[in-house]
Amino acid sequence: MKKYTVKIDGMMCGMCEAHVNDVIRKTIPAAAKVTSSHKKGVATFLAEDIDDDKLIAAVADTGYTVLDIESEPYVKKFFLFRK
């Protein structure tokens, strides 16, 4: 599993974030923890390997521009409880 960070230009409000989240979920059905921030201009999600060109085209079809896609290995964080 990898964590993807997608830099997106053109998001101006909360509805823009919702549109981008919907596009990611439709393009990558296995995507988990999909979030976007119009203030930061990024969307993040967890998934296995993705088709970058397919995602870029889908985001462009909704009127936004993908500037960059970065990925890093995702390590699940565990909470340890002490007695």
PDB file of N, CA and C in Angstrom:
ATOM      1  N   MET A   1       0.848  -1.175   0.000  1.00  0.00           N
ATOM      2  CA  MET A   1       0.000   0.000   0.000  1.00  0.00           C
ATOM      3  C   MET A   1       0.889   1.232   0.000  1.00  0.00           C
ATOM      4  N   LYS A   2       0.474   2.239  -0.773  1.00  0.00           N
ATOM      5  CA  LYS A   2       1.227   3.481  -0.862  1.00  0.00           C
ATOM      6  C   LYS A   2       0.321   4.661  -0.535  1.00  0.00           C
ATOM      7  N   LYS A   3       0.935   5.724  -0.042  1.00  0.00           N
ATOM      8  CA  LYS A   3       0.220   6.975   0.181  1.00  0.00           C
ATOM      9  C   LYS A   3       0.565   7.892  -0.985  1.00  0.00           C
ATOM     10  N   TYR A   4      -0.461   8.353  -1.681  1.00  0.00           N
ATOM     11  CA  TYR A   4      -0.269   9.249  -2.824  1.00  0.00           C
ATOM     12  C   TYR A   4      -0.639  10.669  -2.437  1.00  0.00           C
ATOM     13  N   THR A   5       0.183  11.610  -2.858  1.00  0.00           N
ATOM     14  CA  THR A   5      -0.084  13.031  -2.686  1.00  0.00           C
ATOM     15  C   THR A   5      -0.123  13.645  -4.072  1.00  0.00           C
ATOM     16  N   VAL A   6      -1.267  14.209  -4.423  1.00  0.00           N
ATOM     17  CA  VAL A   6      -1.469  14.765  -5.761  1.00  0.00           C
ATOM     18  C   VAL A   6      -1.609  16.276  -5.625  1.00  0.00           C
ATOM     19  N   LYS A   7      -0.701  17.016  -6.245  1.00  0.00           N
ATOM     20  CA  LYS A   7      -0.792  18.475  -6.241  1.00  0.00           C
ATOM     21  C   LYS A   7      -1.723  18.879  -7.373  1.00  0.00           C
ATOM     22  N   ILE A   8      -2.758  19.652  -7.017  1.00  0.00           N
ATOM     23  CA  ILE A   8      -3.804  20.010  -7.969  1.00  0.00           C
ATOM     24  C   ILE A   8      -3.995  21.518  -7.997  1.00  0.00           C
ATOM     25  N   ASP A   9      -4.043  22.075  -9.192  1.00  0.00           N
ATOM     26  CA  ASP A   9      -4.271  23.506  -9.372  1.00  0.00           C
ATOM     27  C   ASP A   9      -5.723  23.733  -9.772  1.00  0.00           C
ATOM     28  N   GLY A  10      -6.350  24.746  -9.206  1.00  0.00           N
ATOM     29  CA  GLY A  10      -7.700  25.122  -9.603  1.00  0.00           C
ATOM     30  C   GLY A  10      -8.756  24.918  -8.539  1.00  0.00           C
ATOM     31  N   MET A  11      -8.427  24.253  -7.434  1.00  0.00           N
ATOM     32  CA  MET A  11      -9.415  24.076  -6.369  1.00  0.00           C
ATOM     33  C   MET A  11      -9.555  25.393  -5.603  1.00  0.00           C
ATOM     34  N   MET A  12     -10.804  25.876  -5.465  1.00  0.00           N
ATOM     35  CA  MET A  12     -11.033  27.157  -4.808  1.00  0.00           C
ATOM     36  C   MET A  12     -11.915  27.075  -3.562  1.00  0.00           C
ATOM     37  N   CYS A  13     -12.624  25.954  -3.370  1.00  0.00           N
ATOM     38  CA  CYS A  13     -13.574  25.881  -2.262  1.00  0.00           C
ATOM     39  C   CYS A  13     -13.808  24.433  -1.841  1.00  0.00           C
ATOM     40  N   GLY A  14     -14.684  24.255  -0.886  1.00  0.00           N
ATOM     41  CA  GLY A  14     -15.012  22.925  -0.398  1.00  0.00           C
ATOM     42  C   GLY A  14     -15.678  22.048  -1.448  1.00  0.00           C
ATOM     43  N   MET A  15     -16.474  22.652  -2.329  1.00  0.00           N
ATOM     44  CA  MET A  15     -17.105  21.863  -3.401  1.00  0.00           C
ATOM     45  C   MET A  15     -16.060  21.355  -4.382  1.00  0.00           C
ATOM     46  N   CYS A  16     -15.025  22.146  -4.617  1.00  0.00           N
ATOM     47  CA  CYS A  16     -13.925  21.691  -5.475  1.00  0.00           C
ATOM     48  C   CYS A  16     -13.264  20.452  -4.865  1.00  0.00           C
ATOM     49  N   GLU A  17     -13.079  20.487  -3.553  1.00  0.00           N
ATOM     50  CA  GLU A  17     -12.505  19.339  -2.857  1.00  0.00           C
ATOM     51  C   GLU A  17     -13.385  18.107  -3.053  1.00  0.00           C
ATOM     52  N   ALA A  18     -14.696  18.288  -2.929  1.00  0.00           N
ATOM     53  CA  ALA A  18     -15.632  17.174  -3.096  1.00  0.00           C
ATOM     54  C   ALA A  18     -15.575  16.621  -4.513  1.00  0.00           C
ATOM     55  N   HIS A  19     -15.488  17.504  -5.512  1.00  0.00           N
ATOM     56  CA  HIS A  19     -15.386  17.045  -6.903  1.00  0.00           C
ATOM     57  C   HIS A  19     -14.120  16.225  -7.122  1.00  0.00           C
ATOM     58  N   VAL A  20     -13.006  16.708  -6.595  1.00  0.00           N
ATOM     59  CA  VAL A  20     -11.735  15.990  -6.753  1.00  0.00           C
ATOM     60  C   VAL A  20     -11.798  14.642  -6.041  1.00  0.00           C
ATOM     61  N   ASN A  21     -12.349  14.614  -4.833  1.00  0.00           N
ATOM     62  CA  ASN A  21     -12.482  13.347  -4.104  1.00  0.00           C
ATOM     63  C   ASN A  21     -13.327  12.348  -4.890  1.00  0.00           C
ATOM     64  N   ASP A  22     -14.431  12.815  -5.475  1.00  0.00           N
ATOM     65  CA  ASP A  22     -15.291  11.943  -6.267  1.00  0.00           C
ATOM     66  C   ASP A  22     -14.561  11.381  -7.480  1.00  0.00           C
ATOM     67  N   VAL A  23     -13.790  12.226  -8.142  1.00  0.00           N
ATOM     68  CA  VAL A  23     -13.038  11.782  -9.324  1.00  0.00           C
ATOM     69  C   VAL A  23     -12.022  10.715  -8.938  1.00  0.00           C
ATOM     70  N   ILE A  24     -11.329  10.925  -7.837  1.00  0.00           N
ATOM     71  CA  ILE A  24     -10.339   9.942  -7.383  1.00  0.00           C
ATOM     72  C   ILE A  24     -11.030   8.621  -7.067  1.00  0.00           C
ATOM     73  N   ARG A  25     -12.146   8.672  -6.360  1.00  0.00           N
ATOM     74  CA  ARG A  25     -12.863   7.440  -6.001  1.00  0.00           C
ATOM     75  C   ARG A  25     -13.395   6.703  -7.225  1.00  0.00           C
ATOM     76  N   LYS A  26     -13.857   7.446  -8.242  1.00  0.00           N
ATOM     77  CA  LYS A  26     -14.366   6.812  -9.461  1.00  0.00           C
ATOM     78  C   LYS A  26     -13.240   6.248 -10.317  1.00  0.00           C
ATOM     79  N   THR A  27     -12.119   6.955 -10.369  1.00  0.00           N
ATOM     80  CA  THR A  27     -10.992   6.525 -11.196  1.00  0.00           C
ATOM     81  C   THR A  27     -10.223   5.380 -10.556  1.00  0.00           C
ATOM     82  N   ILE A  28     -10.104   5.418  -9.233  1.00  0.00           N
ATOM     83  CA  ILE A  28      -9.364   4.401  -8.485  1.00  0.00           C
ATOM     84  C   ILE A  28     -10.312   3.837  -7.430  1.00  0.00           C
ATOM     85  N   PRO A  29     -11.140   2.859  -7.786  1.00  0.00           N
ATOM     86  CA  PRO A  29     -12.138   2.333  -6.853  1.00  0.00           C
ATOM     87  C   PRO A  29     -11.549   1.792  -5.542  1.00  0.00           C
ATOM     88  N   ALA A  30     -10.309   1.335  -5.568  1.00  0.00           N
ATOM     89  CA  ALA A  30      -9.685   0.782  -4.355  1.00  0.00           C
ATOM     90  C   ALA A  30      -9.056   1.852  -3.467  1.00  0.00           C
ATOM     91  N   ALA A  31      -9.177   3.120  -3.849  1.00  0.00           N
ATOM     92  CA  ALA A  31      -8.575   4.201  -3.055  1.00  0.00           C
ATOM     93  C   ALA A  31      -9.251   4.305  -1.695  1.00  0.00           C
ATOM     94  N   ALA A  32      -8.439   4.515  -0.668  1.00  0.00           N
ATOM     95  CA  ALA A  32      -8.954   4.639   0.695  1.00  0.00           C
ATOM     96  C   ALA A  32      -8.453   5.950   1.303  1.00  0.00           C
ATOM     97  N   LYS A  33      -9.171   6.435   2.306  1.00  0.00           N
ATOM     98  CA  LYS A  33      -8.812   7.656   3.025  1.00  0.00           C
ATOM     99  C   LYS A  33      -8.556   8.829   2.068  1.00  0.00           C
ATOM    100  N   VAL A  34      -9.495   9.065   1.164  1.00  0.00           N
ATOM    101  CA  VAL A  34      -9.364  10.135   0.169  1.00  0.00           C
ATOM    102  C   VAL A  34      -9.705  11.470   0.824  1.00  0.00           C
ATOM    103  N   THR A  35      -8.761  12.409   0.784  1.00  0.00           N
ATOM    104  CA  THR A  35      -8.996  13.752   1.317  1.00  0.00           C
ATOM    105  C   THR A  35      -8.379  14.783   0.376  1.00  0.00           C
ATOM    106  N   SER A  36      -8.938  15.972   0.390  1.00  0.00           N
ATOM    107  CA  SER A  36      -8.408  17.074  -0.426  1.00  0.00           C
ATOM    108  C   SER A  36      -8.418  18.354   0.395  1.00  0.00           C
ATOM    109  N   SER A  37      -7.526  19.276   0.022  1.00  0.00           N
ATOM    110  CA  SER A  37      -7.489  20.584   0.661  1.00  0.00           C
ATOM    111  C   SER A  37      -7.297  21.642  -0.422  1.00  0.00           C
ATOM    112  N   HIS A  38      -8.304  22.510  -0.569  1.00  0.00           N
ATOM    113  CA  HIS A  38      -8.156  23.574  -1.559  1.00  0.00           C
ATOM    114  C   HIS A  38      -7.146  24.614  -1.100  1.00  0.00           C
ATOM    115  N   LYS A  39      -6.986  24.772   0.217  1.00  0.00           N
ATOM    116  CA  LYS A  39      -6.019  25.743   0.729  1.00  0.00           C
ATOM    117  C   LYS A  39      -4.581  25.307   0.441  1.00  0.00           C
ATOM    118  N   LYS A  40      -4.313  24.007   0.575  1.00  0.00           N
ATOM    119  CA  LYS A  40      -2.970  23.482   0.308  1.00  0.00           C
ATOM    120  C   LYS A  40      -2.784  23.098  -1.153  1.00  0.00           C
ATOM    121  N   GLY A  41      -3.897  22.887  -1.858  1.00  0.00           N
ATOM    122  CA  GLY A  41      -3.822  22.495  -3.259  1.00  0.00           C
ATOM    123  C   GLY A  41      -3.377  21.049  -3.448  1.00  0.00           C
ATOM    124  N   VAL A  42      -3.766  20.178  -2.515  1.00  0.00           N
ATOM    125  CA  VAL A  42      -3.368  18.771  -2.610  1.00  0.00           C
ATOM    126  C   VAL A  42      -4.543  17.842  -2.300  1.00  0.00           C
ATOM    127  N   ALA A  43      -4.436  16.638  -2.829  1.00  0.00           N
ATOM    128  CA  ALA A  43      -5.339  15.550  -2.488  1.00  0.00           C
ATOM    129  C   ALA A  43      -4.461  14.374  -2.083  1.00  0.00           C
ATOM    130  N   THR A  44      -4.887  13.628  -1.063  1.00  0.00           N
ATOM    131  CA  THR A  44      -4.123  12.462  -0.626  1.00  0.00           C
ATOM    132  C   THR A  44      -5.052  11.263  -0.545  1.00  0.00           C
ATOM    133  N   PHE A  45      -4.490  10.085  -0.783  1.00  0.00           N
ATOM    134  CA  PHE A  45      -5.249   8.847  -0.660  1.00  0.00           C
ATOM    135  C   PHE A  45      -4.287   7.676  -0.575  1.00  0.00           C
ATOM    136  N   LEU A  46      -4.829   6.532  -0.151  1.00  0.00           N
ATOM    137  CA  LEU A  46      -4.063   5.298  -0.065  1.00  0.00           C
ATOM    138  C   LEU A  46      -4.545   4.355  -1.158  1.00  0.00           C
ATOM    139  N   ALA A  47      -3.604   3.672  -1.807  1.00  0.00           N
ATOM    140  CA  ALA A  47      -3.956   2.704  -2.846  1.00  0.00           C
ATOM    141  C   ALA A  47      -2.728   1.880  -3.199  1.00  0.00           C
ATOM    142  N   GLU A  48      -2.975   0.816  -3.955  1.00  0.00           N
ATOM    143  CA  GLU A  48      -1.863   0.065  -4.528  1.00  0.00           C
ATOM    144  C   GLU A  48      -1.393   0.873  -5.740  1.00  0.00           C
ATOM    145  N   ASP A  49      -0.665   0.284  -6.624  1.00  0.00           N
ATOM    146  CA  ASP A  49      -0.169   0.994  -7.802  1.00  0.00           C
ATOM    147  C   ASP A  49      -1.333   1.562  -8.616  1.00  0.00           C
ATOM    148  N   ILE A  50      -1.150   2.788  -9.115  1.00  0.00           N
ATOM    149  CA  ILE A  50      -2.198   3.459  -9.891  1.00  0.00           C
ATOM    150  C   ILE A  50      -1.665   3.824 -11.273  1.00  0.00           C
ATOM    151  N   ASP A  51      -2.593   4.122 -12.186  1.00  0.00           N
ATOM    152  CA  ASP A  51      -2.250   4.598 -13.518  1.00  0.00           C
ATOM    153  C   ASP A  51      -2.263   6.133 -13.466  1.00  0.00           C
ATOM    154  N   ASP A  52      -1.071   6.729 -13.403  1.00  0.00           N
ATOM    155  CA  ASP A  52      -0.970   8.188 -13.277  1.00  0.00           C
ATOM    156  C   ASP A  52      -1.684   8.909 -14.410  1.00  0.00           C
ATOM    157  N   ASP A  53      -1.498   8.446 -15.646  1.00  0.00           N
ATOM    158  CA  ASP A  53      -2.088   9.122 -16.807  1.00  0.00           C
ATOM    159  C   ASP A  53      -3.614   9.097 -16.754  1.00  0.00           C
ATOM    160  N   LYS A  54      -4.169   7.991 -16.291  1.00  0.00           N
ATOM    161  CA  LYS A  54      -5.627   7.879 -16.179  1.00  0.00           C
ATOM    162  C   LYS A  54      -6.169   8.866 -15.145  1.00  0.00           C
ATOM    163  N   LEU A  55      -5.475   8.989 -14.013  1.00  0.00           N
ATOM    164  CA  LEU A  55      -5.894   9.931 -12.977  1.00  0.00           C
ATOM    165  C   LEU A  55      -5.762  11.374 -13.454  1.00  0.00           C
ATOM    166  N   ILE A  56      -4.655  11.697 -14.111  1.00  0.00           N
ATOM    167  CA  ILE A  56      -4.439  13.050 -14.626  1.00  0.00           C
ATOM    168  C   ILE A  56      -5.541  13.431 -15.611  1.00  0.00           C
ATOM    169  N   ALA A  57      -5.896  12.504 -16.513  1.00  0.00           N
ATOM    170  CA  ALA A  57      -6.941  12.765 -17.509  1.00  0.00           C
ATOM    171  C   ALA A  57      -8.297  12.950 -16.840  1.00  0.00           C
ATOM    172  N   ALA A  58      -8.609  12.130 -15.837  1.00  0.00           N
ATOM    173  CA  ALA A  58      -9.901  12.225 -15.160  1.00  0.00           C
ATOM    174  C   ALA A  58     -10.024  13.549 -14.401  1.00  0.00           C
ATOM    175  N   VAL A  59      -8.963  13.973 -13.748  1.00  0.00           N
ATOM    176  CA  VAL A  59      -8.982  15.252 -13.025  1.00  0.00           C
ATOM    177  C   VAL A  59      -9.102  16.409 -14.020  1.00  0.00           C
ATOM    178  N   ALA A  60      -8.408  16.314 -15.143  1.00  0.00           N
ATOM    179  CA  ALA A  60      -8.473  17.365 -16.168  1.00  0.00           C
ATOM    180  C   ALA A  60      -9.879  17.479 -16.751  1.00  0.00           C
ATOM    181  N   ASP A  61     -10.584  16.356 -16.881  1.00  0.00           N
ATOM    182  CA  ASP A  61     -11.951  16.370 -17.407  1.00  0.00           C
ATOM    183  C   ASP A  61     -12.909  17.140 -16.501  1.00  0.00           C
ATOM    184  N   THR A  62     -12.580  17.279 -15.229  1.00  0.00           N
ATOM    185  CA  THR A  62     -13.438  18.021 -14.303  1.00  0.00           C
ATOM    186  C   THR A  62     -13.008  19.477 -14.153  1.00  0.00           C
ATOM    187  N   GLY A  63     -11.953  19.882 -14.870  1.00  0.00           N
ATOM    188  CA  GLY A  63     -11.565  21.292 -14.877  1.00  0.00           C
ATOM    189  C   GLY A  63     -10.396  21.664 -13.985  1.00  0.00           C
ATOM    190  N   TYR A  64      -9.712  20.689 -13.440  1.00  0.00           N
ATOM    191  CA  TYR A  64      -8.557  20.955 -12.578  1.00  0.00           C
ATOM    192  C   TYR A  64      -7.298  20.431 -13.250  1.00  0.00           C
ATOM    193  N   THR A  65      -6.144  20.885 -12.778  1.00  0.00           N
ATOM    194  CA  THR A  65      -4.878  20.486 -13.374  1.00  0.00           C
ATOM    195  C   THR A  65      -4.004  19.791 -12.344  1.00  0.00           C
ATOM    196  N   VAL A  66      -3.539  18.583 -12.677  1.00  0.00           N
ATOM    197  CA  VAL A  66      -2.610  17.873 -11.797  1.00  0.00           C
ATOM    198  C   VAL A  66      -1.207  18.395 -12.081  1.00  0.00           C
ATOM    199  N   LEU A  67      -0.559  18.920 -11.051  1.00  0.00           N
ATOM    200  CA  LEU A  67       0.793  19.448 -11.197  1.00  0.00           C
ATOM    201  C   LEU A  67       1.850  18.396 -10.908  1.00  0.00           C
ATOM    202  N   ASP A  68       1.549  17.479  -9.975  1.00  0.00           N
ATOM    203  CA  ASP A  68       2.538  16.476  -9.580  1.00  0.00           C
ATOM    204  C   ASP A  68       1.844  15.349  -8.822  1.00  0.00           C
ATOM    205  N   ILE A  69       2.382  14.137  -8.948  1.00  0.00           N
ATOM    206  CA  ILE A  69       1.899  12.992  -8.176  1.00  0.00           C
ATOM    207  C   ILE A  69       3.102  12.376  -7.486  1.00  0.00           C
ATOM    208  N   GLU A  70       3.045  12.320  -6.157  1.00  0.00           N
ATOM    209  CA  GLU A  70       4.127  11.718  -5.383  1.00  0.00           C
ATOM    210  C   GLU A  70       3.575  10.515  -4.627  1.00  0.00           C
ATOM    211  N   SER A  71       4.424   9.521  -4.422  1.00  0.00           N
ATOM    212  CA  SER A  71       3.997   8.361  -3.641  1.00  0.00           C
ATOM    213  C   SER A  71       5.092   7.980  -2.659  1.00  0.00           C
ATOM    214  N   GLU A  72       4.658   7.395  -1.558  1.00  0.00           N
ATOM    215  CA  GLU A  72       5.588   6.908  -0.543  1.00  0.00           C
ATOM    216  C   GLU A  72       4.959   5.681   0.100  1.00  0.00           C
ATOM    217  N   PRO A  73       5.768   4.770   0.590  1.00  0.00           N
ATOM    218  CA  PRO A  73       5.204   3.587   1.250  1.00  0.00           C
ATOM    219  C   PRO A  73       4.369   4.007   2.454  1.00  0.00           C
ATOM    220  N   TYR A  74       3.230   3.353   2.627  1.00  0.00           N
ATOM    221  CA  TYR A  74       2.353   3.660   3.750  1.00  0.00           C
ATOM    222  C   TYR A  74       2.602   2.645   4.854  1.00  0.00           C
ATOM    223  N   VAL A  75       2.883   3.153   6.029  1.00  0.00           N
ATOM    224  CA  VAL A  75       3.076   2.303   7.199  1.00  0.00           C
ATOM    225  C   VAL A  75       1.944   2.601   8.165  1.00  0.00           C
ATOM    226  N   LYS A  76       1.147   1.582   8.439  1.00  0.00           N
ATOM    227  CA  LYS A  76       0.021   1.758   9.343  1.00  0.00           C
ATOM    228  C   LYS A  76       0.535   2.027  10.746  1.00  0.00           C
ATOM    229  N   LYS A  77      -0.047   3.020  11.387  1.00  0.00           N
ATOM    230  CA  LYS A  77       0.370   3.386  12.733  1.00  0.00           C
ATOM    231  C   LYS A  77      -0.444   2.599  13.743  1.00  0.00           C
ATOM    232  N   PHE A  78       0.232   1.984  14.687  1.00  0.00           N
ATOM    233  CA  PHE A  78      -0.440   1.236  15.739  1.00  0.00           C
ATOM    234  C   PHE A  78      -0.350   2.001  17.047  1.00  0.00           C
ATOM    235  N   PHE A  79      -1.412   1.962  17.806  1.00  0.00           N
ATOM    236  CA  PHE A  79      -1.420   2.594  19.104  1.00  0.00           C
ATOM    237  C   PHE A  79      -1.149   1.533  20.162  1.00  0.00           C
ATOM    238  N   LEU A  80      -0.199   1.808  21.003  1.00  0.00           N
ATOM    239  CA  LEU A  80       0.136   0.877  22.061  1.00  0.00           C
ATOM    240  C   LEU A  80      -0.471   1.367  23.368  1.00  0.00           C
ATOM    241  N   PHE A  81      -1.079   0.462  24.054  1.00  0.00           N
ATOM    242  CA  PHE A  81      -1.709   0.815  25.316  1.00  0.00           C
ATOM    243  C   PHE A  81      -0.873   0.265  26.463  1.00  0.00           C
ATOM    244  N   ARG A  82      -0.623   1.095  27.433  1.00  0.00           N
ATOM    245  CA  ARG A  82       0.139   0.674  28.613  1.00  0.00           C
ATOM    246  C   ARG A  82      -0.817   0.405  29.760  1.00  0.00           C
ATOM    247  N   LYS A  83      -0.421  -0.499  30.613  1.00  0.00           N
ATOM    248  CA  LYS A  83      -1.238  -0.799  31.787  1.00  0.00           C
ATOM    249  C   LYS A  83      -0.687  -0.088  32.976  1.00  0.00           C
TER     250      LYS A  83
END
